[in-house]
Amino acid sequence: MLLAFKEALVGLCLGLIAYMMIAAVQIAGSFIDFQMGFSIANVIDPQTGAQSPLIGQFIYTMALLFMLSVNAHHLLLDGIYYSFQYISVDQAFPNFGDEKFAYFIAKSFNAMFIIAFQMSAPVVASLFLVDLALGIVARTVPQLNVFVVGLPLKIAVSFIMLIVCMSVIFVVVRNVFSLTIETMRNLLALVGVS
């Protein structure tokens, strides 16, 4: 019974690490949505049943389809395979209570937000410049209603920047897949005995 619990715990930890890295894509989309003004409009995530941002769900779905097209899901199966090499089935309990394990999880969580920031930075920076320009226009031309002009302008600029930066986003997503596998193996090496 304890061995079954240990295998379930190892699988949950591997799944958490894999999801944390892939969730960076959805977090990047939520950063973009917040700056666009789409933070009010949410869609139902079919995976969890919770509400998620519109652009975040779109980029997340595109990343999952990209993962299937480049056979990155085989790398996740590779992580399951290596879990049996690092943590043997008859090993009583891996060392999850070590402080290195907590530091590793915190470092992985930090990497998730860094990746999300890198993916959303071009669009968010361009929207910041649009906000800056709208602020200057509001001060120089007080007759112009910035709220009426600003929202469609921000949406148009963000979609243009998404189209321009989509290839870079997919390069980052490809690097996220390799980082996911590296993080899973580092977790296995940390808690297991090779």
N, C-alpha and C. Protein backbone atom coordinates (compact mmCIF):
# COMPACT_ATOMS: atom_id res chain seq x y z
N MET A 1 0.82 -1.20 0.00
CA MET A 1 0.00 0.00 0.00
C MET A 1 0.87 1.26 0.00
N LEU A 2 1.95 1.21 0.79
CA LEU A 2 2.85 2.36 0.85
C LEU A 2 3.58 2.56 -0.48
N LEU A 3 3.91 1.46 -1.17
CA LEU A 3 4.58 1.58 -2.47
C LEU A 3 3.64 2.17 -3.51
N ALA A 4 2.36 1.82 -3.46
CA ALA A 4 1.39 2.40 -4.39
C ALA A 4 1.22 3.90 -4.12
N PHE A 5 1.21 4.26 -2.85
CA PHE A 5 1.13 5.68 -2.50
C PHE A 5 2.36 6.43 -2.98
N LYS A 6 3.54 5.79 -2.86
CA LYS A 6 4.78 6.41 -3.31
C LYS A 6 4.76 6.62 -4.82
N GLU A 7 4.29 5.63 -5.58
CA GLU A 7 4.22 5.77 -7.04
C GLU A 7 3.23 6.86 -7.44
N ALA A 8 2.11 6.95 -6.73
CA ALA A 8 1.15 8.00 -7.03
C ALA A 8 1.73 9.38 -6.71
N LEU A 9 2.49 9.48 -5.64
CA LEU A 9 3.10 10.75 -5.27
C LEU A 9 4.18 11.16 -6.27
N VAL A 10 4.95 10.21 -6.75
CA VAL A 10 5.97 10.52 -7.76
C VAL A 10 5.28 10.97 -9.05
N GLY A 11 4.22 10.28 -9.44
CA GLY A 11 3.48 10.67 -10.64
C GLY A 11 2.86 12.05 -10.51
N LEU A 12 2.33 12.36 -9.33
CA LEU A 12 1.75 13.68 -9.11
C LEU A 12 2.82 14.77 -9.17
N CYS A 13 3.99 14.50 -8.63
CA CYS A 13 5.07 15.49 -8.69
C CYS A 13 5.55 15.71 -10.12
N LEU A 14 5.67 14.64 -10.89
CA LEU A 14 6.06 14.78 -12.29
C LEU A 14 5.00 15.55 -13.07
N GLY A 15 3.74 15.24 -12.82
CA GLY A 15 2.66 15.96 -13.49
C GLY A 15 2.61 17.42 -13.10
N LEU A 16 2.88 17.72 -11.83
CA LEU A 16 2.90 19.11 -11.38
C LEU A 16 4.00 19.89 -12.08
N ILE A 17 5.18 19.29 -12.18
CA ILE A 17 6.29 19.98 -12.84
C ILE A 17 5.98 20.19 -14.31
N ALA A 18 5.44 19.17 -14.97
CA ALA A 18 5.11 19.31 -16.39
C ALA A 18 4.03 20.37 -16.59
N TYR A 19 3.02 20.37 -15.73
CA TYR A 19 1.95 21.35 -15.89
C TYR A 19 2.43 22.76 -15.56
N MET A 20 3.34 22.89 -14.60
CA MET A 20 3.84 24.22 -14.27
C MET A 20 4.56 24.84 -15.45
N MET A 21 5.31 24.04 -16.18
CA MET A 21 6.04 24.59 -17.32
C MET A 21 5.09 24.92 -18.48
N ILE A 22 4.09 24.07 -18.70
CA ILE A 22 3.15 24.33 -19.79
C ILE A 22 2.18 25.45 -19.42
N ALA A 23 1.88 25.61 -18.13
CA ALA A 23 0.97 26.67 -17.69
C ALA A 23 1.57 28.05 -17.88
N ALA A 24 2.88 28.13 -18.09
CA ALA A 24 3.50 29.42 -18.35
C ALA A 24 2.92 30.06 -19.60
N VAL A 25 2.52 29.23 -20.56
CA VAL A 25 1.91 29.73 -21.79
C VAL A 25 0.59 30.42 -21.47
N GLN A 26 -0.21 29.80 -20.63
CA GLN A 26 -1.51 30.38 -20.27
C GLN A 26 -1.34 31.63 -19.41
N ILE A 27 -0.34 31.65 -18.56
CA ILE A 27 -0.08 32.84 -17.75
C ILE A 27 0.36 34.00 -18.63
N ALA A 28 1.17 33.70 -19.65
CA ALA A 28 1.58 34.75 -20.59
C ALA A 28 0.36 35.33 -21.30
N GLY A 29 -0.56 34.46 -21.68
CA GLY A 29 -1.79 34.95 -22.30
C GLY A 29 -2.63 35.79 -21.36
N SER A 30 -2.62 35.45 -20.08
CA SER A 30 -3.39 36.27 -19.13
C SER A 30 -2.73 37.63 -18.92
N PHE A 31 -1.39 37.69 -18.98
CA PHE A 31 -0.72 38.99 -18.93
C PHE A 31 -1.14 39.85 -20.12
N ILE A 32 -1.18 39.24 -21.30
CA ILE A 32 -1.58 39.96 -22.50
C ILE A 32 -3.03 40.39 -22.40
N ASP A 33 -3.90 39.49 -21.94
CA ASP A 33 -5.31 39.82 -21.80
C ASP A 33 -5.54 40.99 -20.86
N PHE A 34 -4.80 41.01 -19.78
CA PHE A 34 -4.98 42.09 -18.81
C PHE A 34 -4.63 43.44 -19.42
N GLN A 35 -3.56 43.49 -20.20
CA GLN A 35 -3.17 44.75 -20.82
C GLN A 35 -4.09 45.13 -21.98
N MET A 36 -4.64 44.13 -22.66
CA MET A 36 -5.54 44.42 -23.78
C MET A 36 -6.88 44.98 -23.32
N GLY A 37 -7.28 44.63 -22.13
CA GLY A 37 -8.61 44.98 -21.68
C GLY A 37 -9.57 43.81 -21.81
N PHE A 38 -9.03 42.63 -22.11
CA PHE A 38 -9.85 41.43 -22.24
C PHE A 38 -9.94 40.65 -20.93
N SER A 39 -9.49 41.24 -19.84
CA SER A 39 -9.50 40.48 -18.59
C SER A 39 -10.92 40.22 -18.09
N ILE A 40 -11.88 40.98 -18.59
CA ILE A 40 -13.27 40.76 -18.20
C ILE A 40 -13.84 39.57 -18.97
N ALA A 41 -13.44 39.43 -20.23
CA ALA A 41 -13.97 38.35 -21.07
C ALA A 41 -13.18 37.07 -20.81
N ASN A 42 -13.82 36.08 -20.24
CA ASN A 42 -13.19 34.80 -19.95
C ASN A 42 -13.95 33.70 -20.67
N VAL A 43 -13.27 32.59 -20.92
CA VAL A 43 -13.89 31.41 -21.49
C VAL A 43 -13.74 30.27 -20.49
N ILE A 44 -14.57 29.26 -20.66
CA ILE A 44 -14.50 28.10 -19.77
C ILE A 44 -13.40 27.18 -20.28
N ASP A 45 -12.45 26.88 -19.42
CA ASP A 45 -11.38 25.96 -19.75
C ASP A 45 -11.94 24.54 -19.74
N PRO A 46 -11.90 23.82 -20.86
CA PRO A 46 -12.48 22.47 -20.87
C PRO A 46 -11.70 21.46 -20.03
N GLN A 47 -10.45 21.77 -19.74
CA GLN A 47 -9.63 20.84 -18.96
C GLN A 47 -9.97 20.89 -17.47
N THR A 48 -10.16 22.10 -16.95
CA THR A 48 -10.40 22.24 -15.52
C THR A 48 -11.82 22.66 -15.17
N GLY A 49 -12.55 23.22 -16.13
CA GLY A 49 -13.89 23.71 -15.86
C GLY A 49 -13.90 25.11 -15.27
N ALA A 50 -12.74 25.70 -15.07
CA ALA A 50 -12.64 27.05 -14.51
C ALA A 50 -12.60 28.07 -15.65
N GLN A 51 -12.76 29.32 -15.30
CA GLN A 51 -12.68 30.37 -16.31
C GLN A 51 -11.23 30.74 -16.53
N SER A 52 -10.88 30.92 -17.80
CA SER A 52 -9.52 31.31 -18.14
C SER A 52 -9.57 32.43 -19.16
N PRO A 53 -8.50 33.22 -19.26
CA PRO A 53 -8.51 34.35 -20.18
C PRO A 53 -8.57 33.91 -21.64
N LEU A 54 -9.11 34.77 -22.47
CA LEU A 54 -9.37 34.45 -23.87
C LEU A 54 -8.09 34.18 -24.66
N ILE A 55 -7.19 35.12 -24.68
CA ILE A 55 -5.93 34.96 -25.41
C ILE A 55 -5.08 33.88 -24.76
N GLY A 56 -5.12 33.79 -23.45
CA GLY A 56 -4.38 32.74 -22.75
C GLY A 56 -4.84 31.36 -23.16
N GLN A 57 -6.14 31.17 -23.27
CA GLN A 57 -6.66 29.87 -23.69
C GLN A 57 -6.31 29.58 -25.15
N PHE A 58 -6.32 30.62 -25.99
CA PHE A 58 -5.96 30.44 -27.40
C PHE A 58 -4.50 30.02 -27.53
N ILE A 59 -3.60 30.73 -26.86
CA ILE A 59 -2.17 30.40 -26.96
C ILE A 59 -1.90 29.03 -26.33
N TYR A 60 -2.59 28.72 -25.25
CA TYR A 60 -2.43 27.42 -24.59
C TYR A 60 -2.87 26.29 -25.52
N THR A 61 -4.00 26.47 -26.20
CA THR A 61 -4.47 25.45 -27.14
C THR A 61 -3.51 25.30 -28.31
N MET A 62 -3.00 26.42 -28.81
CA MET A 62 -2.02 26.35 -29.90
C MET A 62 -0.74 25.66 -29.44
N ALA A 63 -0.33 25.91 -28.21
CA ALA A 63 0.88 25.26 -27.68
C ALA A 63 0.67 23.75 -27.53
N LEU A 64 -0.52 23.34 -27.09
CA LEU A 64 -0.80 21.90 -26.98
C LEU A 64 -0.82 21.24 -28.35
N LEU A 65 -1.41 21.91 -29.34
CA LEU A 65 -1.40 21.36 -30.70
C LEU A 65 0.02 21.32 -31.26
N PHE A 66 0.81 22.33 -30.95
CA PHE A 66 2.21 22.34 -31.37
C PHE A 66 2.98 21.22 -30.70
N MET A 67 2.65 20.95 -29.42
CA MET A 67 3.30 19.86 -28.70
C MET A 67 3.00 18.53 -29.37
N LEU A 68 1.77 18.34 -29.81
CA LEU A 68 1.43 17.09 -30.49
C LEU A 68 2.08 17.01 -31.86
N SER A 69 2.21 18.14 -32.55
CA SER A 69 2.77 18.10 -33.90
C SER A 69 4.27 17.84 -33.92
N VAL A 70 4.99 18.25 -32.87
CA VAL A 70 6.43 18.01 -32.83
C VAL A 70 6.78 16.80 -31.97
N ASN A 71 5.78 16.00 -31.61
CA ASN A 71 5.95 14.78 -30.82
C ASN A 71 6.59 15.03 -29.46
N ALA A 72 6.27 16.16 -28.87
CA ALA A 72 6.81 16.44 -27.53
C ALA A 72 6.09 15.64 -26.46
N HIS A 73 4.92 15.12 -26.78
CA HIS A 73 4.24 14.28 -25.79
C HIS A 73 4.99 12.98 -25.57
N HIS A 74 5.83 12.57 -26.52
CA HIS A 74 6.68 11.40 -26.32
C HIS A 74 7.73 11.68 -25.25
N LEU A 75 8.13 12.95 -25.14
CA LEU A 75 9.10 13.30 -24.12
C LEU A 75 8.50 13.20 -22.72
N LEU A 76 7.18 13.44 -22.62
CA LEU A 76 6.53 13.25 -21.32
C LEU A 76 6.49 11.77 -20.95
N LEU A 77 6.26 10.92 -21.95
CA LEU A 77 6.33 9.48 -21.70
C LEU A 77 7.75 9.07 -21.35
N ASP A 78 8.73 9.75 -21.92
CA ASP A 78 10.13 9.51 -21.58
C ASP A 78 10.39 9.83 -20.11
N GLY A 79 9.74 10.87 -19.60
CA GLY A 79 9.88 11.20 -18.19
C GLY A 79 9.31 10.13 -17.29
N ILE A 80 8.20 9.52 -17.71
CA ILE A 80 7.63 8.42 -16.94
C ILE A 80 8.58 7.22 -16.97
N TYR A 81 9.17 6.95 -18.13
CA TYR A 81 10.11 5.84 -18.25
C TYR A 81 11.31 6.04 -17.32
N TYR A 82 11.87 7.25 -17.32
CA TYR A 82 13.05 7.50 -16.49
C TYR A 82 12.71 7.54 -15.00
N SER A 83 11.44 7.71 -14.67
CA SER A 83 11.08 7.70 -13.25
C SER A 83 11.32 6.33 -12.64
N PHE A 84 11.21 5.27 -13.44
CA PHE A 84 11.47 3.94 -12.92
C PHE A 84 12.96 3.65 -12.81
N GLN A 85 13.79 4.37 -13.58
CA GLN A 85 15.23 4.19 -13.45
C GLN A 85 15.79 4.96 -12.25
N TYR A 86 15.28 6.15 -12.02
CA TYR A 86 15.78 6.95 -10.90
C TYR A 86 15.20 6.52 -9.57
N ILE A 87 13.92 6.21 -9.56
CA ILE A 87 13.24 5.80 -8.33
C ILE A 87 12.74 4.38 -8.55
N SER A 88 13.43 3.42 -7.97
CA SER A 88 13.05 2.03 -8.19
C SER A 88 11.71 1.73 -7.52
N VAL A 89 11.05 0.70 -8.03
CA VAL A 89 9.72 0.37 -7.54
C VAL A 89 9.77 -0.09 -6.09
N ASP A 90 10.85 -0.77 -5.71
CA ASP A 90 10.93 -1.29 -4.34
C ASP A 90 11.54 -0.31 -3.35
N GLN A 91 11.91 0.89 -3.81
CA GLN A 91 12.43 1.90 -2.88
C GLN A 91 11.28 2.34 -1.97
N ALA A 92 11.55 2.37 -0.68
CA ALA A 92 10.47 2.61 0.30
C ALA A 92 9.82 3.98 0.11
N PHE A 93 10.59 5.03 0.19
CA PHE A 93 10.00 6.35 0.07
C PHE A 93 11.08 7.33 -0.38
N PRO A 94 10.86 8.07 -1.44
CA PRO A 94 11.86 9.05 -1.87
C PRO A 94 11.96 10.19 -0.86
N ASN A 95 13.05 10.92 -0.94
CA ASN A 95 13.29 11.98 0.04
C ASN A 95 12.60 13.28 -0.40
N PHE A 96 11.28 13.32 -0.21
CA PHE A 96 10.52 14.53 -0.51
C PHE A 96 10.64 15.57 0.60
N GLY A 97 11.07 15.17 1.77
CA GLY A 97 11.17 16.10 2.89
C GLY A 97 12.44 16.91 2.92
N ASP A 98 13.30 16.73 1.94
CA ASP A 98 14.57 17.44 1.89
C ASP A 98 14.33 18.91 1.54
N GLU A 99 15.19 19.80 2.06
CA GLU A 99 15.03 21.22 1.74
C GLU A 99 15.38 21.50 0.29
N LYS A 100 16.18 20.63 -0.33
CA LYS A 100 16.50 20.80 -1.74
C LYS A 100 15.27 20.60 -2.61
N PHE A 101 14.36 19.75 -2.17
CA PHE A 101 13.12 19.52 -2.92
C PHE A 101 12.24 20.77 -2.92
N ALA A 102 12.10 21.40 -1.76
CA ALA A 102 11.30 22.63 -1.67
C ALA A 102 11.95 23.76 -2.47
N TYR A 103 13.27 23.84 -2.43
CA TYR A 103 13.98 24.85 -3.22
C TYR A 103 13.80 24.59 -4.71
N PHE A 104 13.82 23.32 -5.11
CA PHE A 104 13.65 22.97 -6.51
C PHE A 104 12.25 23.35 -7.01
N ILE A 105 11.23 23.08 -6.20
CA ILE A 105 9.86 23.44 -6.59
C ILE A 105 9.72 24.95 -6.70
N ALA A 106 10.30 25.68 -5.76
CA ALA A 106 10.24 27.15 -5.81
C ALA A 106 10.99 27.68 -7.03
N LYS A 107 12.12 27.06 -7.36
CA LYS A 107 12.89 27.49 -8.53
C LYS A 107 12.12 27.19 -9.82
N SER A 108 11.42 26.07 -9.87
CA SER A 108 10.60 25.74 -11.03
C SER A 108 9.43 26.70 -11.17
N PHE A 109 8.84 27.06 -10.03
CA PHE A 109 7.74 28.03 -10.03
C PHE A 109 8.23 29.39 -10.53
N ASN A 110 9.43 29.77 -10.13
CA ASN A 110 10.04 31.01 -10.59
C ASN A 110 10.30 30.95 -12.09
N ALA A 111 10.77 29.81 -12.58
CA ALA A 111 11.02 29.66 -14.02
C ALA A 111 9.73 29.79 -14.82
N MET A 112 8.62 29.31 -14.26
CA MET A 112 7.34 29.42 -14.94
C MET A 112 6.98 30.88 -15.18
N PHE A 113 7.15 31.73 -14.17
CA PHE A 113 6.81 33.13 -14.34
C PHE A 113 7.80 33.87 -15.23
N ILE A 114 9.06 33.46 -15.21
CA ILE A 114 10.04 34.08 -16.10
C ILE A 114 9.70 33.76 -17.56
N ILE A 115 9.34 32.52 -17.82
CA ILE A 115 8.95 32.13 -19.18
C ILE A 115 7.70 32.89 -19.61
N ALA A 116 6.73 33.01 -18.71
CA ALA A 116 5.50 33.74 -19.04
C ALA A 116 5.80 35.20 -19.35
N PHE A 117 6.70 35.79 -18.58
CA PHE A 117 7.06 37.18 -18.84
C PHE A 117 7.78 37.32 -20.17
N GLN A 118 8.67 36.38 -20.50
CA GLN A 118 9.39 36.44 -21.77
C GLN A 118 8.44 36.30 -22.95
N MET A 119 7.43 35.45 -22.80
CA MET A 119 6.50 35.27 -23.91
C MET A 119 5.60 36.47 -24.11
N SER A 120 5.21 37.12 -23.02
CA SER A 120 4.26 38.22 -23.13
C SER A 120 4.92 39.58 -23.25
N ALA A 121 6.22 39.66 -23.07
CA ALA A 121 6.90 40.95 -23.03
C ALA A 121 6.74 41.79 -24.29
N PRO A 122 6.85 41.24 -25.51
CA PRO A 122 6.70 42.13 -26.68
C PRO A 122 5.32 42.77 -26.77
N VAL A 123 4.29 42.00 -26.51
CA VAL A 123 2.93 42.53 -26.63
C VAL A 123 2.65 43.49 -25.48
N VAL A 124 3.05 43.13 -24.27
CA VAL A 124 2.79 43.99 -23.12
C VAL A 124 3.58 45.29 -23.24
N ALA A 125 4.80 45.22 -23.74
CA ALA A 125 5.60 46.44 -23.90
C ALA A 125 5.00 47.35 -24.96
N SER A 126 4.51 46.78 -26.05
CA SER A 126 3.88 47.62 -27.08
C SER A 126 2.59 48.24 -26.55
N LEU A 127 1.85 47.50 -25.74
CA LEU A 127 0.63 48.07 -25.16
C LEU A 127 0.96 49.14 -24.12
N PHE A 128 2.09 49.01 -23.46
CA PHE A 128 2.52 50.08 -22.55
C PHE A 128 2.82 51.34 -23.33
N LEU A 129 3.46 51.19 -24.49
CA LEU A 129 3.74 52.36 -25.32
C LEU A 129 2.46 52.98 -25.85
N VAL A 130 1.46 52.15 -26.16
CA VAL A 130 0.16 52.68 -26.59
C VAL A 130 -0.49 53.45 -25.45
N ASP A 131 -0.42 52.91 -24.24
CA ASP A 131 -0.97 53.63 -23.08
C ASP A 131 -0.24 54.95 -22.85
N LEU A 132 1.05 54.94 -23.04
CA LEU A 132 1.84 56.17 -22.89
C LEU A 132 1.43 57.20 -23.93
N ALA A 133 1.27 56.76 -25.18
CA ALA A 133 0.85 57.67 -26.24
C ALA A 133 -0.57 58.19 -25.99
N LEU A 134 -1.45 57.33 -25.51
CA LEU A 134 -2.81 57.78 -25.21
C LEU A 134 -2.82 58.77 -24.06
N GLY A 135 -1.94 58.60 -23.10
CA GLY A 135 -1.83 59.56 -22.01
C GLY A 135 -1.36 60.92 -22.49
N ILE A 136 -0.40 60.91 -23.40
CA ILE A 136 0.09 62.18 -23.96
C ILE A 136 -1.01 62.85 -24.77
N VAL A 137 -1.74 62.06 -25.56
CA VAL A 137 -2.84 62.61 -26.36
C VAL A 137 -3.94 63.16 -25.45
N ALA A 138 -4.22 62.48 -24.36
CA ALA A 138 -5.26 62.96 -23.44
C ALA A 138 -4.87 64.30 -22.80
N ARG A 139 -3.58 64.51 -22.57
CA ARG A 139 -3.15 65.78 -21.98
C ARG A 139 -3.09 66.90 -23.01
N THR A 140 -2.73 66.57 -24.25
CA THR A 140 -2.58 67.62 -25.26
C THR A 140 -3.89 67.94 -25.95
N VAL A 141 -4.75 66.95 -26.16
CA VAL A 141 -6.03 67.17 -26.83
C VAL A 141 -7.14 66.73 -25.87
N PRO A 142 -7.58 67.60 -24.98
CA PRO A 142 -8.58 67.19 -24.00
C PRO A 142 -9.96 66.93 -24.60
N GLN A 143 -10.21 67.41 -25.82
CA GLN A 143 -11.51 67.19 -26.44
C GLN A 143 -11.68 65.74 -26.90
N LEU A 144 -10.59 65.04 -27.11
CA LEU A 144 -10.64 63.66 -27.59
C LEU A 144 -10.93 62.72 -26.42
N ASN A 145 -11.94 61.87 -26.60
CA ASN A 145 -12.28 60.90 -25.57
C ASN A 145 -11.35 59.70 -25.71
N VAL A 146 -10.38 59.61 -24.82
CA VAL A 146 -9.35 58.58 -24.92
C VAL A 146 -9.92 57.20 -24.63
N PHE A 147 -10.93 57.12 -23.78
CA PHE A 147 -11.50 55.82 -23.45
C PHE A 147 -12.20 55.18 -24.64
N VAL A 148 -12.81 56.00 -25.48
CA VAL A 148 -13.50 55.46 -26.66
C VAL A 148 -12.48 55.05 -27.71
N VAL A 149 -11.43 55.82 -27.87
CA VAL A 149 -10.42 55.54 -28.89
C VAL A 149 -9.42 54.49 -28.40
N GLY A 150 -9.15 54.49 -27.10
CA GLY A 150 -8.07 53.66 -26.56
C GLY A 150 -8.30 52.17 -26.64
N LEU A 151 -9.50 51.72 -26.29
CA LEU A 151 -9.75 50.28 -26.26
C LEU A 151 -9.64 49.63 -27.63
N PRO A 152 -10.28 50.16 -28.69
CA PRO A 152 -10.08 49.52 -30.00
C PRO A 152 -8.64 49.62 -30.50
N LEU A 153 -7.97 50.72 -30.16
CA LEU A 153 -6.58 50.86 -30.58
C LEU A 153 -5.69 49.83 -29.89
N LYS A 154 -5.92 49.62 -28.59
CA LYS A 154 -5.12 48.62 -27.86
C LYS A 154 -5.39 47.21 -28.38
N ILE A 155 -6.64 46.92 -28.71
CA ILE A 155 -6.96 45.60 -29.25
C ILE A 155 -6.30 45.39 -30.60
N ALA A 156 -6.36 46.42 -31.46
CA ALA A 156 -5.74 46.30 -32.79
C ALA A 156 -4.22 46.14 -32.68
N VAL A 157 -3.59 46.94 -31.83
CA VAL A 157 -2.13 46.85 -31.67
C VAL A 157 -1.73 45.49 -31.10
N SER A 158 -2.51 45.00 -30.15
CA SER A 158 -2.15 43.71 -29.55
C SER A 158 -2.31 42.56 -30.54
N PHE A 159 -3.35 42.60 -31.37
CA PHE A 159 -3.48 41.54 -32.38
C PHE A 159 -2.38 41.63 -33.43
N ILE A 160 -2.01 42.83 -33.81
CA ILE A 160 -0.91 42.99 -34.76
C ILE A 160 0.39 42.46 -34.15
N MET A 161 0.63 42.79 -32.90
CA MET A 161 1.85 42.30 -32.24
C MET A 161 1.81 40.79 -32.03
N LEU A 162 0.63 40.24 -31.77
CA LEU A 162 0.53 38.78 -31.65
C LEU A 162 0.86 38.10 -32.97
N ILE A 163 0.38 38.68 -34.07
CA ILE A 163 0.68 38.09 -35.38
C ILE A 163 2.18 38.19 -35.67
N VAL A 164 2.77 39.33 -35.35
CA VAL A 164 4.20 39.52 -35.61
C VAL A 164 5.04 38.60 -34.72
N CYS A 165 4.65 38.45 -33.48
CA CYS A 165 5.46 37.71 -32.50
C CYS A 165 5.09 36.24 -32.37
N MET A 166 4.14 35.75 -33.15
CA MET A 166 3.70 34.37 -32.97
C MET A 166 4.83 33.36 -33.23
N SER A 167 5.69 33.64 -34.19
CA SER A 167 6.79 32.70 -34.45
C SER A 167 7.77 32.67 -33.28
N VAL A 168 8.01 33.83 -32.68
CA VAL A 168 8.89 33.88 -31.51
C VAL A 168 8.25 33.16 -30.33
N ILE A 169 6.94 33.30 -30.19
CA ILE A 169 6.23 32.62 -29.11
C ILE A 169 6.36 31.11 -29.27
N PHE A 170 6.27 30.61 -30.50
CA PHE A 170 6.40 29.17 -30.70
C PHE A 170 7.83 28.68 -30.51
N VAL A 171 8.81 29.52 -30.77
CA VAL A 171 10.20 29.15 -30.45
C VAL A 171 10.36 29.03 -28.94
N VAL A 172 9.76 29.95 -28.20
CA VAL A 172 9.82 29.87 -26.74
C VAL A 172 9.07 28.64 -26.24
N VAL A 173 7.94 28.32 -26.88
CA VAL A 173 7.18 27.13 -26.49
C VAL A 173 8.00 25.87 -26.73
N ARG A 174 8.73 25.83 -27.84
CA ARG A 174 9.60 24.68 -28.11
C ARG A 174 10.68 24.56 -27.04
N ASN A 175 11.22 25.69 -26.61
CA ASN A 175 12.21 25.66 -25.53
C ASN A 175 11.58 25.26 -24.20
N VAL A 176 10.30 25.59 -24.03
CA VAL A 176 9.59 25.19 -22.81
C VAL A 176 9.48 23.67 -22.74
N PHE A 177 9.28 23.02 -23.89
CA PHE A 177 9.18 21.56 -23.90
C PHE A 177 10.50 20.93 -23.45
N SER A 178 11.61 21.43 -23.96
CA SER A 178 12.90 20.87 -23.54
C SER A 178 13.19 21.20 -22.08
N LEU A 179 12.77 22.39 -21.63
CA LEU A 179 12.95 22.73 -20.22
C LEU A 179 12.08 21.85 -19.32
N THR A 180 10.91 21.47 -19.80
CA THR A 180 10.04 20.59 -19.03
C THR A 180 10.70 19.25 -18.80
N ILE A 181 11.28 18.68 -19.85
CA ILE A 181 11.94 17.38 -19.72
C ILE A 181 13.16 17.49 -18.82
N GLU A 182 13.92 18.56 -18.98
CA GLU A 182 15.10 18.76 -18.13
C GLU A 182 14.68 18.92 -16.66
N THR A 183 13.60 19.63 -16.42
CA THR A 183 13.12 19.83 -15.05
C THR A 183 12.61 18.54 -14.46
N MET A 184 11.92 17.73 -15.27
CA MET A 184 11.43 16.44 -14.77
C MET A 184 12.59 15.53 -14.41
N ARG A 185 13.62 15.50 -15.24
CA ARG A 185 14.78 14.65 -14.94
C ARG A 185 15.54 15.16 -13.71
N ASN A 186 15.63 16.48 -13.57
CA ASN A 186 16.29 17.02 -12.38
C ASN A 186 15.51 16.68 -11.12
N LEU A 187 14.19 16.70 -11.21
CA LEU A 187 13.37 16.31 -10.06
C LEU A 187 13.59 14.85 -9.71
N LEU A 188 13.64 13.99 -10.74
CA LEU A 188 13.86 12.57 -10.49
C LEU A 188 15.25 12.32 -9.90
N ALA A 189 16.24 13.04 -10.39
CA ALA A 189 17.59 12.89 -9.84
C ALA A 189 17.67 13.41 -8.41
N LEU A 190 16.83 14.39 -8.09
CA LEU A 190 16.85 14.95 -6.75
C LEU A 190 16.22 14.02 -5.72
N VAL A 191 15.09 13.43 -6.08
CA VAL A 191 14.38 12.60 -5.09
C VAL A 191 14.72 11.13 -5.19
N GLY A 192 15.36 10.72 -6.27
CA GLY A 192 15.64 9.31 -6.45
C GLY A 192 17.09 8.96 -6.23
N VAL A 193 17.36 7.69 -6.39
CA VAL A 193 18.73 7.18 -6.30
C VAL A 193 19.06 6.62 -7.66
N SER A 194 20.01 7.23 -8.36
CA SER A 194 20.34 6.76 -9.71
C SER A 194 21.26 5.57 -9.69
